[in-house]
Amino acid sequence: MKEIRKMKDRSELKNIIRIANKVFDDASNINENASADSIPGWDSMGNLNLIIALEEEYDIEFDDEDLVKMNSIKKIHKVIINKVND
């Protein structure tokens, strides 16, 4: 069972990276270690566009506590996995 969850988590990570690539139009630099510091365009407006795209993709809403944490792809992945699995 744990192996199946890992595969799903990895699939979701790839999906988050795909969405970030689309939002930031930067297929070369975005990976699981990317953050607001490493991606040009990940400013306040870029962040808003990313959050909206993720909320639409996963049919979820992020609260203020989530948004404060979501400053890297890894952290976004963790927040989404926790929200989807609740």
C-alpha atoms as a PDB file:
ATOM      1  CA  MET A   1       0.000   0.000   0.000  1.00  0.00           C
ATOM      2  CA  LYS A   2       2.813   2.417   0.828  1.00  0.00           C
ATOM      3  CA  GLU A   3       4.381   1.836  -2.618  1.00  0.00           C
ATOM      4  CA  ILE A   4       1.110   2.775  -4.335  1.00  0.00           C
ATOM      5  CA  ARG A   5       0.932   6.016  -2.339  1.00  0.00           C
ATOM      6  CA  LYS A   6       4.527   6.878  -3.287  1.00  0.00           C
ATOM      7  CA  MET A   7       3.678   6.420  -6.956  1.00  0.00           C
ATOM      8  CA  LYS A   8       0.649   8.685  -6.593  1.00  0.00           C
ATOM      9  CA  ASP A   9       2.739  11.281  -4.763  1.00  0.00           C
ATOM     10  CA  ARG A  10       5.352  11.184  -7.540  1.00  0.00           C
ATOM     11  CA  SER A  11       2.623  11.533 -10.157  1.00  0.00           C
ATOM     12  CA  GLU A  12       1.209  14.569  -8.329  1.00  0.00           C
ATOM     13  CA  LEU A  13       4.675  16.114  -8.093  1.00  0.00           C
ATOM     14  CA  LYS A  14       5.086  15.783 -11.856  1.00  0.00           C
ATOM     15  CA  ASN A  15       1.662  17.355 -12.348  1.00  0.00           C
ATOM     16  CA  ILE A  16       2.533  20.302 -10.090  1.00  0.00           C
ATOM     17  CA  ILE A  17       5.764  20.830 -12.052  1.00  0.00           C
ATOM     18  CA  ARG A  18       3.780  20.698 -15.312  1.00  0.00           C
ATOM     19  CA  ILE A  19       1.389  23.365 -14.013  1.00  0.00           C
ATOM     20  CA  ALA A  20       4.260  25.562 -12.780  1.00  0.00           C
ATOM     21  CA  ASN A  21       5.973  25.228 -16.166  1.00  0.00           C
ATOM     22  CA  LYS A  22       2.799  26.405 -17.845  1.00  0.00           C
ATOM     23  CA  VAL A  23       2.235  29.315 -15.442  1.00  0.00           C
ATOM     24  CA  PHE A  24       5.829  30.517 -15.527  1.00  0.00           C
ATOM     25  CA  ASP A  25       6.482  29.500 -19.143  1.00  0.00           C
ATOM     26  CA  ASP A  26       9.831  28.029 -18.123  1.00  0.00           C
ATOM     27  CA  ALA A  27      10.216  24.329 -18.910  1.00  0.00           C
ATOM     28  CA  SER A  28      13.970  24.305 -18.324  1.00  0.00           C
ATOM     29  CA  ASN A  29      14.418  25.377 -14.712  1.00  0.00           C
ATOM     30  CA  ILE A  30      11.388  24.047 -12.855  1.00  0.00           C
ATOM     31  CA  ASN A  31      11.924  20.866 -10.910  1.00  0.00           C
ATOM     32  CA  GLU A  32      11.051  19.596  -7.454  1.00  0.00           C
ATOM     33  CA  ASN A  33      13.783  21.781  -5.906  1.00  0.00           C
ATOM     34  CA  ALA A  34      12.604  25.016  -7.554  1.00  0.00           C
ATOM     35  CA  SER A  35      11.385  27.870  -5.411  1.00  0.00           C
ATOM     36  CA  ALA A  36      10.255  31.463  -5.655  1.00  0.00           C
ATOM     37  CA  ASP A  37      13.931  32.445  -5.406  1.00  0.00           C
ATOM     38  CA  SER A  38      14.987  30.344  -8.393  1.00  0.00           C
ATOM     39  CA  ILE A  39      12.158  30.943 -10.872  1.00  0.00           C
ATOM     40  CA  PRO A  40      11.979  34.235 -12.743  1.00  0.00           C
ATOM     41  CA  GLY A  41       8.431  35.479 -12.660  1.00  0.00           C
ATOM     42  CA  TRP A  42       7.532  33.861  -9.346  1.00  0.00           C
ATOM     43  CA  ASP A  43       6.609  37.176  -7.808  1.00  0.00           C
ATOM     44  CA  SER A  44       3.320  38.074  -6.132  1.00  0.00           C
ATOM     45  CA  MET A  45       1.373  38.048  -9.415  1.00  0.00           C
ATOM     46  CA  GLY A  46       3.043  34.843 -10.573  1.00  0.00           C
ATOM     47  CA  ASN A  47       2.276  33.260  -7.221  1.00  0.00           C
ATOM     48  CA  LEU A  48      -1.391  34.245  -7.527  1.00  0.00           C
ATOM     49  CA  ASN A  49      -1.560  32.722 -11.020  1.00  0.00           C
ATOM     50  CA  LEU A  50       0.066  29.516  -9.770  1.00  0.00           C
ATOM     51  CA  ILE A  51      -2.312  29.239  -6.804  1.00  0.00           C
ATOM     52  CA  ILE A  52      -5.344  29.758  -9.045  1.00  0.00           C
ATOM     53  CA  ALA A  53      -4.109  27.139 -11.528  1.00  0.00           C
ATOM     54  CA  LEU A  54      -3.517  24.629  -8.716  1.00  0.00           C
ATOM     55  CA  GLU A  55      -6.906  25.290  -7.115  1.00  0.00           C
ATOM     56  CA  GLU A  56      -8.614  24.735 -10.464  1.00  0.00           C
ATOM     57  CA  GLU A  57      -6.607  21.585 -11.240  1.00  0.00           C
ATOM     58  CA  TYR A  58      -7.264  19.940  -7.875  1.00  0.00           C
ATOM     59  CA  ASP A  59     -10.678  21.488  -7.139  1.00  0.00           C
ATOM     60  CA  ILE A  60      -9.469  22.694  -3.750  1.00  0.00           C
ATOM     61  CA  GLU A  61      -9.087  26.009  -1.956  1.00  0.00           C
ATOM     62  CA  PHE A  62      -5.984  26.991  -0.047  1.00  0.00           C
ATOM     63  CA  ASP A  63      -6.342  28.856   3.226  1.00  0.00           C
ATOM     64  CA  ASP A  64      -3.955  31.539   4.474  1.00  0.00           C
ATOM     65  CA  GLU A  65      -1.937  29.001   6.460  1.00  0.00           C
ATOM     66  CA  ASP A  66      -1.368  26.947   3.307  1.00  0.00           C
ATOM     67  CA  LEU A  67      -0.401  29.978   1.221  1.00  0.00           C
ATOM     68  CA  VAL A  68       2.310  31.050   3.661  1.00  0.00           C
ATOM     69  CA  LYS A  69       3.966  27.630   3.339  1.00  0.00           C
ATOM     70  CA  MET A  70       3.798  27.407  -0.462  1.00  0.00           C
ATOM     71  CA  ASN A  71       7.074  29.024  -1.565  1.00  0.00           C
ATOM     72  CA  SER A  72       8.662  26.032  -3.307  1.00  0.00           C
ATOM     73  CA  ILE A  73       7.555  23.133  -5.479  1.00  0.00           C
ATOM     74  CA  LYS A  74       8.297  20.629  -2.694  1.00  0.00           C
ATOM     75  CA  LYS A  75       6.237  22.604  -0.177  1.00  0.00           C
ATOM     76  CA  ILE A  76       3.381  23.026  -2.640  1.00  0.00           C
ATOM     77  CA  HIS A  77       3.446  19.273  -3.233  1.00  0.00           C
ATOM     78  CA  LYS A  78       3.301  18.586   0.507  1.00  0.00           C
ATOM     79  CA  VAL A  79       0.368  20.962   1.036  1.00  0.00           C
ATOM     80  CA  ILE A  80      -1.592  19.486  -1.874  1.00  0.00           C
ATOM     81  CA  ILE A  81      -0.982  15.871  -0.842  1.00  0.00           C
ATOM     82  CA  ASN A  82      -2.133  16.686   2.701  1.00  0.00           C
ATOM     83  CA  LYS A  83      -5.244  18.498   1.424  1.00  0.00           C
ATOM     84  CA  VAL A  84      -6.208  15.834  -1.107  1.00  0.00           C
ATOM     85  CA  ASN A  85      -5.697  13.000   1.387  1.00  0.00           C
ATOM     86  CA  ASP A  86      -7.714  14.620   4.199  1.00  0.00           C
END
